[in-house]
mmCIF file of all heavy atoms, coordinates in Angstrom:
data_MODEL
# 
_entry.id   MODEL 
# 
loop_
_atom_site.group_PDB 
_atom_site.id 
_atom_site.type_symbol 
_atom_site.label_atom_id 
_atom_site.label_alt_id 
_atom_site.label_comp_id 
_atom_site.label_asym_id 
_atom_site.label_entity_id 
_atom_site.label_seq_id 
_atom_site.pdbx_PDB_ins_code 
_atom_site.Cartn_x 
_atom_site.Cartn_y 
_atom_site.Cartn_z 
_atom_site.occupancy 
_atom_site.B_iso_or_equiv 
_atom_site.pdbx_formal_charge 
_atom_site.auth_seq_id 
_atom_site.auth_comp_id 
_atom_site.auth_asym_id 
_atom_site.auth_atom_id 
_atom_site.pdbx_PDB_model_num 
ATOM 1   N N   . PRO A 1 1  ? 17.451  4.400   8.520   1.00 0.00 ? 1  PRO A N   1 
ATOM 2   C CA  . PRO A 1 1  ? 16.351  4.019   9.542   1.00 0.00 ? 1  PRO A CA  1 
ATOM 3   C C   . PRO A 1 1  ? 15.409  2.904   9.024   1.00 0.00 ? 1  PRO A C   1 
ATOM 4   O O   . PRO A 1 1  ? 15.413  2.485   7.870   1.00 0.00 ? 1  PRO A O   1 
ATOM 5   C CB  . PRO A 1 1  ? 15.519  5.290   9.629   1.00 0.00 ? 1  PRO A CB  1 
ATOM 6   C CG  . PRO A 1 1  ? 16.034  6.317   8.678   1.00 0.00 ? 1  PRO A CG  1 
ATOM 7   C CD  . PRO A 1 1  ? 17.042  5.630   7.772   1.00 0.00 ? 1  PRO A CD  1 
ATOM 8   N N   . VAL A 1 2  ? 14.703  2.341   10.064  1.00 0.00 ? 2  VAL A N   1 
ATOM 9   C CA  . VAL A 1 2  ? 13.556  1.499   9.703   1.00 0.00 ? 2  VAL A CA  1 
ATOM 10  C C   . VAL A 1 2  ? 12.323  2.390   9.712   1.00 0.00 ? 2  VAL A C   1 
ATOM 11  O O   . VAL A 1 2  ? 12.217  3.177   10.509  1.00 0.00 ? 2  VAL A O   1 
ATOM 12  C CB  . VAL A 1 2  ? 13.467  0.262   10.639  1.00 0.00 ? 2  VAL A CB  1 
ATOM 13  C CG1 . VAL A 1 2  ? 13.122  0.708   12.041  1.00 0.00 ? 2  VAL A CG1 1 
ATOM 14  C CG2 . VAL A 1 2  ? 12.334  -0.650  10.213  1.00 0.00 ? 2  VAL A CG2 1 
ATOM 15  N N   . TYR A 1 3  ? 11.465  2.151   8.692   1.00 0.00 ? 3  TYR A N   1 
ATOM 16  C CA  . TYR A 1 3  ? 10.284  2.995   8.518   1.00 0.00 ? 3  TYR A CA  1 
ATOM 17  C C   . TYR A 1 3  ? 9.066   2.111   8.816   1.00 0.00 ? 3  TYR A C   1 
ATOM 18  O O   . TYR A 1 3  ? 9.013   0.857   8.567   1.00 0.00 ? 3  TYR A O   1 
ATOM 19  C CB  . TYR A 1 3  ? 10.156  3.489   7.051   1.00 0.00 ? 3  TYR A CB  1 
ATOM 20  C CG  . TYR A 1 3  ? 10.794  4.792   6.794   1.00 0.00 ? 3  TYR A CG  1 
ATOM 21  C CD1 . TYR A 1 3  ? 12.151  4.994   7.005   1.00 0.00 ? 3  TYR A CD1 1 
ATOM 22  C CD2 . TYR A 1 3  ? 10.068  5.833   6.525   1.00 0.00 ? 3  TYR A CD2 1 
ATOM 23  C CE1 . TYR A 1 3  ? 12.727  6.214   6.743   1.00 0.00 ? 3  TYR A CE1 1 
ATOM 24  C CE2 . TYR A 1 3  ? 10.515  7.146   6.330   1.00 0.00 ? 3  TYR A CE2 1 
ATOM 25  C CZ  . TYR A 1 3  ? 11.912  7.324   6.415   1.00 0.00 ? 3  TYR A CZ  1 
ATOM 26  O OH  . TYR A 1 3  ? 12.440  8.550   6.342   1.00 0.00 ? 3  TYR A OH  1 
ATOM 27  N N   . ALA A 1 4  ? 7.962   2.662   9.288   1.00 0.00 ? 4  ALA A N   1 
ATOM 28  C CA  . ALA A 1 4  ? 6.744   2.013   9.314   1.00 0.00 ? 4  ALA A CA  1 
ATOM 29  C C   . ALA A 1 4  ? 5.613   3.038   8.906   1.00 0.00 ? 4  ALA A C   1 
ATOM 30  O O   . ALA A 1 4  ? 5.814   4.215   9.081   1.00 0.00 ? 4  ALA A O   1 
ATOM 31  C CB  . ALA A 1 4  ? 6.432   1.602   10.874  1.00 0.00 ? 4  ALA A CB  1 
ATOM 32  N N   . ALA A 1 5  ? 4.469   2.403   8.434   1.00 0.00 ? 5  ALA A N   1 
ATOM 33  C CA  . ALA A 1 5  ? 3.380   3.307   8.167   1.00 0.00 ? 5  ALA A CA  1 
ATOM 34  C C   . ALA A 1 5  ? 2.030   2.630   8.749   1.00 0.00 ? 5  ALA A C   1 
ATOM 35  O O   . ALA A 1 5  ? 2.018   1.382   8.907   1.00 0.00 ? 5  ALA A O   1 
ATOM 36  C CB  . ALA A 1 5  ? 3.259   3.488   6.668   1.00 0.00 ? 5  ALA A CB  1 
ATOM 37  N N   . ALA A 1 6  ? 1.141   3.528   9.081   1.00 0.00 ? 6  ALA A N   1 
ATOM 38  C CA  . ALA A 1 6  ? -0.187  3.045   9.524   1.00 0.00 ? 6  ALA A CA  1 
ATOM 39  C C   . ALA A 1 6  ? -1.140  3.779   8.686   1.00 0.00 ? 6  ALA A C   1 
ATOM 40  O O   . ALA A 1 6  ? -1.147  4.982   8.327   1.00 0.00 ? 6  ALA A O   1 
ATOM 41  C CB  . ALA A 1 6  ? -0.379  3.521   10.972  1.00 0.00 ? 6  ALA A CB  1 
ATOM 42  N N   . VAL A 1 7  ? -2.224  2.976   8.181   1.00 0.00 ? 7  VAL A N   1 
ATOM 43  C CA  . VAL A 1 7  ? -3.198  3.500   7.194   1.00 0.00 ? 7  VAL A CA  1 
ATOM 44  C C   . VAL A 1 7  ? -4.591  3.109   7.694   1.00 0.00 ? 7  VAL A C   1 
ATOM 45  O O   . VAL A 1 7  ? -4.878  1.946   8.033   1.00 0.00 ? 7  VAL A O   1 
ATOM 46  C CB  . VAL A 1 7  ? -2.939  2.977   5.855   1.00 0.00 ? 7  VAL A CB  1 
ATOM 47  C CG1 . VAL A 1 7  ? -4.088  3.380   4.855   1.00 0.00 ? 7  VAL A CG1 1 
ATOM 48  C CG2 . VAL A 1 7  ? -1.606  3.515   5.335   1.00 0.00 ? 7  VAL A CG2 1 
ATOM 49  N N   . ILE A 1 8  ? -5.463  4.094   7.784   1.00 0.00 ? 8  ILE A N   1 
ATOM 50  C CA  . ILE A 1 8  ? -6.922  3.830   7.986   1.00 0.00 ? 8  ILE A CA  1 
ATOM 51  C C   . ILE A 1 8  ? -7.661  4.010   6.653   1.00 0.00 ? 8  ILE A C   1 
ATOM 52  O O   . ILE A 1 8  ? -7.557  5.095   6.069   1.00 0.00 ? 8  ILE A O   1 
ATOM 53  C CB  . ILE A 1 8  ? -7.512  4.737   8.981   1.00 0.00 ? 8  ILE A CB  1 
ATOM 54  C CG1 . ILE A 1 8  ? -6.756  4.524   10.354  1.00 0.00 ? 8  ILE A CG1 1 
ATOM 55  C CG2 . ILE A 1 8  ? -9.070  4.438   9.227   1.00 0.00 ? 8  ILE A CG2 1 
ATOM 56  C CD1 . ILE A 1 8  ? -7.252  5.489   11.545  1.00 0.00 ? 8  ILE A CD1 1 
ATOM 57  N N   . LEU A 1 9  ? -8.247  2.946   6.163   1.00 0.00 ? 9  LEU A N   1 
ATOM 58  C CA  . LEU A 1 9  ? -9.028  3.175   4.873   1.00 0.00 ? 9  LEU A CA  1 
ATOM 59  C C   . LEU A 1 9  ? -10.503 3.324   5.244   1.00 0.00 ? 9  LEU A C   1 
ATOM 60  O O   . LEU A 1 9  ? -10.966 2.809   6.261   1.00 0.00 ? 9  LEU A O   1 
ATOM 61  C CB  . LEU A 1 9  ? -8.913  1.790   4.052   1.00 0.00 ? 9  LEU A CB  1 
ATOM 62  C CG  . LEU A 1 9  ? -7.459  1.556   3.513   1.00 0.00 ? 9  LEU A CG  1 
ATOM 63  C CD1 . LEU A 1 9  ? -7.609  0.243   2.757   1.00 0.00 ? 9  LEU A CD1 1 
ATOM 64  C CD2 . LEU A 1 9  ? -7.045  2.627   2.535   1.00 0.00 ? 9  LEU A CD2 1 
ATOM 65  N N   . PRO A 1 10 ? -11.185 4.037   4.343   1.00 0.00 ? 10 PRO A N   1 
ATOM 66  C CA  . PRO A 1 10 ? -12.682 4.171   4.612   1.00 0.00 ? 10 PRO A CA  1 
ATOM 67  C C   . PRO A 1 10 ? -13.292 2.703   4.620   1.00 0.00 ? 10 PRO A C   1 
ATOM 68  O O   . PRO A 1 10 ? -12.747 1.792   3.917   1.00 0.00 ? 10 PRO A O   1 
ATOM 69  C CB  . PRO A 1 10 ? -13.217 4.838   3.254   1.00 0.00 ? 10 PRO A CB  1 
ATOM 70  C CG  . PRO A 1 10 ? -11.991 5.589   2.736   1.00 0.00 ? 10 PRO A CG  1 
ATOM 71  C CD  . PRO A 1 10 ? -10.811 4.643   3.089   1.00 0.00 ? 10 PRO A CD  1 
ATOM 72  N N   . LYS A 1 11 ? -14.282 2.460   5.451   1.00 0.00 ? 11 LYS A N   1 
ATOM 73  C CA  . LYS A 1 11 ? -14.874 1.235   5.688   1.00 0.00 ? 11 LYS A CA  1 
ATOM 74  C C   . LYS A 1 11 ? -15.291 0.621   4.297   1.00 0.00 ? 11 LYS A C   1 
ATOM 75  O O   . LYS A 1 11 ? -15.926 1.275   3.580   1.00 0.00 ? 11 LYS A O   1 
ATOM 76  C CB  . LYS A 1 11 ? -16.080 1.369   6.545   1.00 0.00 ? 11 LYS A CB  1 
ATOM 77  C CG  . LYS A 1 11 ? -16.596 0.013   7.239   1.00 0.00 ? 11 LYS A CG  1 
ATOM 78  C CD  . LYS A 1 11 ? -17.558 0.232   8.266   1.00 0.00 ? 11 LYS A CD  1 
ATOM 79  C CE  . LYS A 1 11 ? -17.950 -1.008  8.823   1.00 0.00 ? 11 LYS A CE  1 
ATOM 80  N NZ  . LYS A 1 11 ? -18.886 -0.805  10.052  1.00 0.00 ? 11 LYS A NZ  1 
ATOM 81  N N   . GLY A 1 12 ? -14.926 -0.628  4.171   1.00 0.00 ? 12 GLY A N   1 
ATOM 82  C CA  . GLY A 1 12 ? -15.302 -1.319  2.837   1.00 0.00 ? 12 GLY A CA  1 
ATOM 83  C C   . GLY A 1 12 ? -14.462 -0.904  1.612   1.00 0.00 ? 12 GLY A C   1 
ATOM 84  O O   . GLY A 1 12 ? -14.821 -1.372  0.497   1.00 0.00 ? 12 GLY A O   1 
ATOM 85  N N   . HIS A 1 13 ? -13.585 -0.066  1.778   1.00 0.00 ? 13 HIS A N   1 
ATOM 86  C CA  . HIS A 1 13 ? -12.811 0.392   0.663   1.00 0.00 ? 13 HIS A CA  1 
ATOM 87  C C   . HIS A 1 13 ? -11.564 -0.343  0.264   1.00 0.00 ? 13 HIS A C   1 
ATOM 88  O O   . HIS A 1 13 ? -10.677 -0.594  1.115   1.00 0.00 ? 13 HIS A O   1 
ATOM 89  C CB  . HIS A 1 13 ? -12.422 1.910   0.894   1.00 0.00 ? 13 HIS A CB  1 
ATOM 90  C CG  . HIS A 1 13 ? -11.867 2.620   -0.257  1.00 0.00 ? 13 HIS A CG  1 
ATOM 91  N ND1 . HIS A 1 13 ? -12.530 2.870   -1.477  1.00 0.00 ? 13 HIS A ND1 1 
ATOM 92  C CD2 . HIS A 1 13 ? -10.643 3.115   -0.511  1.00 0.00 ? 13 HIS A CD2 1 
ATOM 93  C CE1 . HIS A 1 13 ? -11.816 3.535   -2.283  1.00 0.00 ? 13 HIS A CE1 1 
ATOM 94  N NE2 . HIS A 1 13 ? -10.646 3.753   -1.708  1.00 0.00 ? 13 HIS A NE2 1 
ATOM 95  N N   . ILE A 1 14 ? -11.322 -0.673  -0.969  1.00 0.00 ? 14 ILE A N   1 
ATOM 96  C CA  . ILE A 1 14 ? -10.044 -1.192  -1.440  1.00 0.00 ? 14 ILE A CA  1 
ATOM 97  C C   . ILE A 1 14 ? -9.579  -0.271  -2.528  1.00 0.00 ? 14 ILE A C   1 
ATOM 98  O O   . ILE A 1 14 ? -10.212 0.160   -3.371  1.00 0.00 ? 14 ILE A O   1 
ATOM 99  C CB  . ILE A 1 14 ? -10.309 -2.649  -2.115  1.00 0.00 ? 14 ILE A CB  1 
ATOM 100 C CG1 . ILE A 1 14 ? -10.827 -3.669  -1.117  1.00 0.00 ? 14 ILE A CG1 1 
ATOM 101 C CG2 . ILE A 1 14 ? -9.017  -3.127  -2.852  1.00 0.00 ? 14 ILE A CG2 1 
ATOM 102 C CD1 . ILE A 1 14 ? -11.230 -4.990  -1.663  1.00 0.00 ? 14 ILE A CD1 1 
ATOM 103 N N   . ILE A 1 15 ? -8.229  -0.032  -2.377  1.00 0.00 ? 15 ILE A N   1 
ATOM 104 C CA  . ILE A 1 15 ? -7.677  0.880   -3.310  1.00 0.00 ? 15 ILE A CA  1 
ATOM 105 C C   . ILE A 1 15 ? -7.143  0.101   -4.480  1.00 0.00 ? 15 ILE A C   1 
ATOM 106 O O   . ILE A 1 15 ? -6.351  -0.878  -4.363  1.00 0.00 ? 15 ILE A O   1 
ATOM 107 C CB  . ILE A 1 15 ? -6.412  1.670   -2.763  1.00 0.00 ? 15 ILE A CB  1 
ATOM 108 C CG1 . ILE A 1 15 ? -6.934  2.696   -1.666  1.00 0.00 ? 15 ILE A CG1 1 
ATOM 109 C CG2 . ILE A 1 15 ? -5.603  2.540   -3.744  1.00 0.00 ? 15 ILE A CG2 1 
ATOM 110 C CD1 . ILE A 1 15 ? -5.900  3.251   -0.691  1.00 0.00 ? 15 ILE A CD1 1 
ATOM 111 N N   . GLU A 1 16 ? -7.520  0.378   -5.701  1.00 0.00 ? 16 GLU A N   1 
ATOM 112 C CA  . GLU A 1 16 ? -7.308  -0.440  -6.846  1.00 0.00 ? 16 GLU A CA  1 
ATOM 113 C C   . GLU A 1 16 ? -5.910  -0.614  -7.111  1.00 0.00 ? 16 GLU A C   1 
ATOM 114 O O   . GLU A 1 16 ? -5.131  0.417   -7.072  1.00 0.00 ? 16 GLU A O   1 
ATOM 115 C CB  . GLU A 1 16 ? -8.051  0.174   -8.055  1.00 0.00 ? 16 GLU A CB  1 
ATOM 116 C CG  . GLU A 1 16 ? -8.242  -0.871  -9.223  1.00 0.00 ? 16 GLU A CG  1 
ATOM 117 C CD  . GLU A 1 16 ? -8.936  -0.327  -10.397 1.00 0.00 ? 16 GLU A CD  1 
ATOM 118 O OE1 . GLU A 1 16 ? -9.874  0.559   -10.192 1.00 0.00 ? 16 GLU A OE1 1 
ATOM 119 O OE2 . GLU A 1 16 ? -8.571  -0.609  -11.512 1.00 0.00 ? 16 GLU A OE2 1 
ATOM 120 N N   . GLY A 1 17 ? -5.336  -1.761  -7.343  1.00 0.00 ? 17 GLY A N   1 
ATOM 121 C CA  . GLY A 1 17 ? -3.917  -1.978  -7.522  1.00 0.00 ? 17 GLY A CA  1 
ATOM 122 C C   . GLY A 1 17 ? -2.958  -2.067  -6.345  1.00 0.00 ? 17 GLY A C   1 
ATOM 123 O O   . GLY A 1 17 ? -1.833  -2.519  -6.580  1.00 0.00 ? 17 GLY A O   1 
ATOM 124 N N   . VAL A 1 18 ? -3.539  -1.867  -5.270  1.00 0.00 ? 18 VAL A N   1 
ATOM 125 C CA  . VAL A 1 18 ? -2.767  -2.044  -3.998  1.00 0.00 ? 18 VAL A CA  1 
ATOM 126 C C   . VAL A 1 18 ? -2.483  -3.481  -3.767  1.00 0.00 ? 18 VAL A C   1 
ATOM 127 O O   . VAL A 1 18 ? -3.352  -4.323  -3.787  1.00 0.00 ? 18 VAL A O   1 
ATOM 128 C CB  . VAL A 1 18 ? -3.373  -1.292  -2.818  1.00 0.00 ? 18 VAL A CB  1 
ATOM 129 C CG1 . VAL A 1 18 ? -2.808  -1.958  -1.474  1.00 0.00 ? 18 VAL A CG1 1 
ATOM 130 C CG2 . VAL A 1 18 ? -3.237  0.087   -2.849  1.00 0.00 ? 18 VAL A CG2 1 
ATOM 131 N N   . ASN A 1 19 ? -1.263  -3.747  -3.462  1.00 0.00 ? 19 ASN A N   1 
ATOM 132 C CA  . ASN A 1 19 ? -0.700  -5.098  -3.084  1.00 0.00 ? 19 ASN A CA  1 
ATOM 133 C C   . ASN A 1 19 ? 0.563   -4.995  -2.305  1.00 0.00 ? 19 ASN A C   1 
ATOM 134 O O   . ASN A 1 19 ? 0.983   -3.960  -2.024  1.00 0.00 ? 19 ASN A O   1 
ATOM 135 C CB  . ASN A 1 19 ? -0.388  -5.857  -4.494  1.00 0.00 ? 19 ASN A CB  1 
ATOM 136 C CG  . ASN A 1 19 ? -0.347  -7.364  -4.333  1.00 0.00 ? 19 ASN A CG  1 
ATOM 137 O OD1 . ASN A 1 19 ? -0.208  -7.862  -3.171  1.00 0.00 ? 19 ASN A OD1 1 
ATOM 138 N ND2 . ASN A 1 19 ? -0.610  -8.105  -5.506  1.00 0.00 ? 19 ASN A ND2 1 
ATOM 139 N N   . ASP A 1 20 ? 0.972   -6.144  -1.815  1.00 0.00 ? 20 ASP A N   1 
ATOM 140 C CA  . ASP A 1 20 ? 2.200   -6.220  -1.078  1.00 0.00 ? 20 ASP A CA  1 
ATOM 141 C C   . ASP A 1 20 ? 3.231   -5.395  -1.786  1.00 0.00 ? 20 ASP A C   1 
ATOM 142 O O   . ASP A 1 20 ? 3.516   -5.675  -3.126  1.00 0.00 ? 20 ASP A O   1 
ATOM 143 C CB  . ASP A 1 20 ? 2.655   -7.634  -0.969  1.00 0.00 ? 20 ASP A CB  1 
ATOM 144 C CG  . ASP A 1 20 ? 4.042   -7.881  -0.509  1.00 0.00 ? 20 ASP A CG  1 
ATOM 145 O OD1 . ASP A 1 20 ? 4.688   -6.849  -0.096  1.00 0.00 ? 20 ASP A OD1 1 
ATOM 146 O OD2 . ASP A 1 20 ? 4.475   -9.102  -0.515  1.00 0.00 ? 20 ASP A OD2 1 
ATOM 147 N N   . SER A 1 21 ? 3.965   -4.354  -1.278  1.00 0.00 ? 21 SER A N   1 
ATOM 148 C CA  . SER A 1 21 ? 4.792   -3.477  -1.969  1.00 0.00 ? 21 SER A CA  1 
ATOM 149 C C   . SER A 1 21 ? 5.990   -4.279  -2.672  1.00 0.00 ? 21 SER A C   1 
ATOM 150 O O   . SER A 1 21 ? 6.510   -3.816  -3.669  1.00 0.00 ? 21 SER A O   1 
ATOM 151 C CB  . SER A 1 21 ? 5.330   -2.429  -1.057  1.00 0.00 ? 21 SER A CB  1 
ATOM 152 O OG  . SER A 1 21 ? 6.187   -3.035  0.013   1.00 0.00 ? 21 SER A OG  1 
ATOM 153 N N   . LYS A 1 22 ? 6.384   -5.360  -2.052  1.00 0.00 ? 22 LYS A N   1 
ATOM 154 C CA  . LYS A 1 22 ? 7.466   -6.101  -2.713  1.00 0.00 ? 22 LYS A CA  1 
ATOM 155 C C   . LYS A 1 22 ? 7.151   -6.749  -4.049  1.00 0.00 ? 22 LYS A C   1 
ATOM 156 O O   . LYS A 1 22 ? 8.023   -7.065  -4.772  1.00 0.00 ? 22 LYS A O   1 
ATOM 157 C CB  . LYS A 1 22 ? 7.860   -7.182  -1.754  1.00 0.00 ? 22 LYS A CB  1 
ATOM 158 C CG  . LYS A 1 22 ? 8.505   -6.738  -0.441  1.00 0.00 ? 22 LYS A CG  1 
ATOM 159 C CD  . LYS A 1 22 ? 9.065   -7.882  0.497   1.00 0.00 ? 22 LYS A CD  1 
ATOM 160 C CE  . LYS A 1 22 ? 8.032   -8.675  1.119   1.00 0.00 ? 22 LYS A CE  1 
ATOM 161 N NZ  . LYS A 1 22 ? 7.217   -7.822  2.163   1.00 0.00 ? 22 LYS A NZ  1 
ATOM 162 N N   . LYS A 1 23 ? 5.831   -6.818  -4.293  1.00 0.00 ? 23 LYS A N   1 
ATOM 163 C CA  . LYS A 1 23 ? 5.397   -7.534  -5.538  1.00 0.00 ? 23 LYS A CA  1 
ATOM 164 C C   . LYS A 1 23 ? 5.198   -6.373  -6.605  1.00 0.00 ? 23 LYS A C   1 
ATOM 165 O O   . LYS A 1 23 ? 4.812   -6.718  -7.771  1.00 0.00 ? 23 LYS A O   1 
ATOM 166 C CB  . LYS A 1 23 ? 4.076   -8.223  -5.349  1.00 0.00 ? 23 LYS A CB  1 
ATOM 167 C CG  . LYS A 1 23 ? 4.205   -9.464  -4.575  1.00 0.00 ? 23 LYS A CG  1 
ATOM 168 C CD  . LYS A 1 23 ? 2.972   -10.018 -4.274  1.00 0.00 ? 23 LYS A CD  1 
ATOM 169 C CE  . LYS A 1 23 ? 3.062   -11.295 -3.337  1.00 0.00 ? 23 LYS A CE  1 
ATOM 170 N NZ  . LYS A 1 23 ? 1.850   -11.799 -2.824  1.00 0.00 ? 23 LYS A NZ  1 
ATOM 171 N N   . LEU A 1 24 ? 5.388   -5.107  -6.334  1.00 0.00 ? 24 LEU A N   1 
ATOM 172 C CA  . LEU A 1 24 ? 5.148   -3.958  -7.268  1.00 0.00 ? 24 LEU A CA  1 
ATOM 173 C C   . LEU A 1 24 ? 6.367   -3.437  -7.772  1.00 0.00 ? 24 LEU A C   1 
ATOM 174 O O   . LEU A 1 24 ? 7.417   -3.355  -7.056  1.00 0.00 ? 24 LEU A O   1 
ATOM 175 C CB  . LEU A 1 24 ? 4.301   -2.896  -6.519  1.00 0.00 ? 24 LEU A CB  1 
ATOM 176 C CG  . LEU A 1 24 ? 2.934   -3.390  -5.991  1.00 0.00 ? 24 LEU A CG  1 
ATOM 177 C CD1 . LEU A 1 24 ? 2.329   -2.324  -5.053  1.00 0.00 ? 24 LEU A CD1 1 
ATOM 178 C CD2 . LEU A 1 24 ? 1.972   -3.756  -7.138  1.00 0.00 ? 24 LEU A CD2 1 
ATOM 179 N N   . SER A 1 25 ? 6.389   -2.868  -8.880  1.00 0.00 ? 25 SER A N   1 
ATOM 180 C CA  . SER A 1 25 ? 7.595   -2.151  -9.470  1.00 0.00 ? 25 SER A CA  1 
ATOM 181 C C   . SER A 1 25 ? 7.633   -0.758  -8.771  1.00 0.00 ? 25 SER A C   1 
ATOM 182 O O   . SER A 1 25 ? 6.718   -0.214  -8.128  1.00 0.00 ? 25 SER A O   1 
ATOM 183 C CB  . SER A 1 25 ? 7.402   -1.947  -11.005 1.00 0.00 ? 25 SER A CB  1 
ATOM 184 O OG  . SER A 1 25 ? 6.392   -0.970  -11.214 1.00 0.00 ? 25 SER A OG  1 
ATOM 185 N N   . GLU A 1 26 ? 8.879   -0.161  -8.814  1.00 0.00 ? 26 GLU A N   1 
ATOM 186 C CA  . GLU A 1 26 ? 8.968   1.100   -8.242  1.00 0.00 ? 26 GLU A CA  1 
ATOM 187 C C   . GLU A 1 26 ? 8.117   2.176   -8.732  1.00 0.00 ? 26 GLU A C   1 
ATOM 188 O O   . GLU A 1 26 ? 7.560   2.962   -7.968  1.00 0.00 ? 26 GLU A O   1 
ATOM 189 C CB  . GLU A 1 26 ? 10.560  1.513   -8.418  1.00 0.00 ? 26 GLU A CB  1 
ATOM 190 C CG  . GLU A 1 26 ? 10.938  2.733   -7.467  1.00 0.00 ? 26 GLU A CG  1 
ATOM 191 C CD  . GLU A 1 26 ? 12.390  2.988   -7.481  1.00 0.00 ? 26 GLU A CD  1 
ATOM 192 O OE1 . GLU A 1 26 ? 13.250  2.187   -7.868  1.00 0.00 ? 26 GLU A OE1 1 
ATOM 193 O OE2 . GLU A 1 26 ? 12.741  4.087   -7.051  1.00 0.00 ? 26 GLU A OE2 1 
ATOM 194 N N   . LYS A 1 27 ? 7.924   2.123   -10.047 1.00 0.00 ? 27 LYS A N   1 
ATOM 195 C CA  . LYS A 1 27 ? 7.045   3.100   -10.695 1.00 0.00 ? 27 LYS A CA  1 
ATOM 196 C C   . LYS A 1 27 ? 5.613   2.914   -10.142 1.00 0.00 ? 27 LYS A C   1 
ATOM 197 O O   . LYS A 1 27 ? 4.911   3.844   -9.812  1.00 0.00 ? 27 LYS A O   1 
ATOM 198 C CB  . LYS A 1 27 ? 7.047   2.855   -12.245 1.00 0.00 ? 27 LYS A CB  1 
ATOM 199 C CG  . LYS A 1 27 ? 6.269   3.843   -13.050 1.00 0.00 ? 27 LYS A CG  1 
ATOM 200 C CD  . LYS A 1 27 ? 6.475   3.650   -14.483 1.00 0.00 ? 27 LYS A CD  1 
ATOM 201 C CE  . LYS A 1 27 ? 5.704   4.608   -15.331 1.00 0.00 ? 27 LYS A CE  1 
ATOM 202 N NZ  . LYS A 1 27 ? 4.290   4.262   -15.464 1.00 0.00 ? 27 LYS A NZ  1 
ATOM 203 N N   . LYS A 1 28 ? 5.146   1.622   -10.119 1.00 0.00 ? 28 LYS A N   1 
ATOM 204 C CA  . LYS A 1 28 ? 3.797   1.360   -9.568  1.00 0.00 ? 28 LYS A CA  1 
ATOM 205 C C   . LYS A 1 28 ? 3.653   1.799   -8.096  1.00 0.00 ? 28 LYS A C   1 
ATOM 206 O O   . LYS A 1 28 ? 2.610   2.387   -7.670  1.00 0.00 ? 28 LYS A O   1 
ATOM 207 C CB  . LYS A 1 28 ? 3.523   -0.124  -9.747  1.00 0.00 ? 28 LYS A CB  1 
ATOM 208 C CG  . LYS A 1 28 ? 2.106   -0.526  -9.582  1.00 0.00 ? 28 LYS A CG  1 
ATOM 209 C CD  . LYS A 1 28 ? 1.124   -0.097  -10.681 1.00 0.00 ? 28 LYS A CD  1 
ATOM 210 C CE  . LYS A 1 28 ? -0.351  -0.322  -10.362 1.00 0.00 ? 28 LYS A CE  1 
ATOM 211 N NZ  . LYS A 1 28 ? -1.191  0.588   -10.955 1.00 0.00 ? 28 LYS A NZ  1 
ATOM 212 N N   . ARG A 1 29 ? 4.725   1.521   -7.375  1.00 0.00 ? 29 ARG A N   1 
ATOM 213 C CA  . ARG A 1 29 ? 4.694   1.891   -5.881  1.00 0.00 ? 29 ARG A CA  1 
ATOM 214 C C   . ARG A 1 29 ? 4.486   3.438   -5.826  1.00 0.00 ? 29 ARG A C   1 
ATOM 215 O O   . ARG A 1 29 ? 3.687   3.948   -4.915  1.00 0.00 ? 29 ARG A O   1 
ATOM 216 C CB  . ARG A 1 29 ? 5.807   1.487   -5.165  1.00 0.00 ? 29 ARG A CB  1 
ATOM 217 C CG  . ARG A 1 29 ? 5.813   -0.001  -4.740  1.00 0.00 ? 29 ARG A CG  1 
ATOM 218 C CD  . ARG A 1 29 ? 6.865   -0.294  -3.716  1.00 0.00 ? 29 ARG A CD  1 
ATOM 219 N NE  . ARG A 1 29 ? 8.294   0.047   -4.037  1.00 0.00 ? 29 ARG A NE  1 
ATOM 220 C CZ  . ARG A 1 29 ? 9.110   -0.766  -4.549  1.00 0.00 ? 29 ARG A CZ  1 
ATOM 221 N NH1 . ARG A 1 29 ? 8.749   -2.116  -4.798  1.00 0.00 ? 29 ARG A NH1 1 
ATOM 222 N NH2 . ARG A 1 29 ? 10.376  -0.471  -4.995  1.00 0.00 ? 29 ARG A NH2 1 
# 
């Protein structure tokens, strides 16, 4: 299948380490 995700973050919040998934290793993802 093709997958999609939708995410609502708390206002003003950045999750440390989050980046385009293609730029991350499998372990990091």
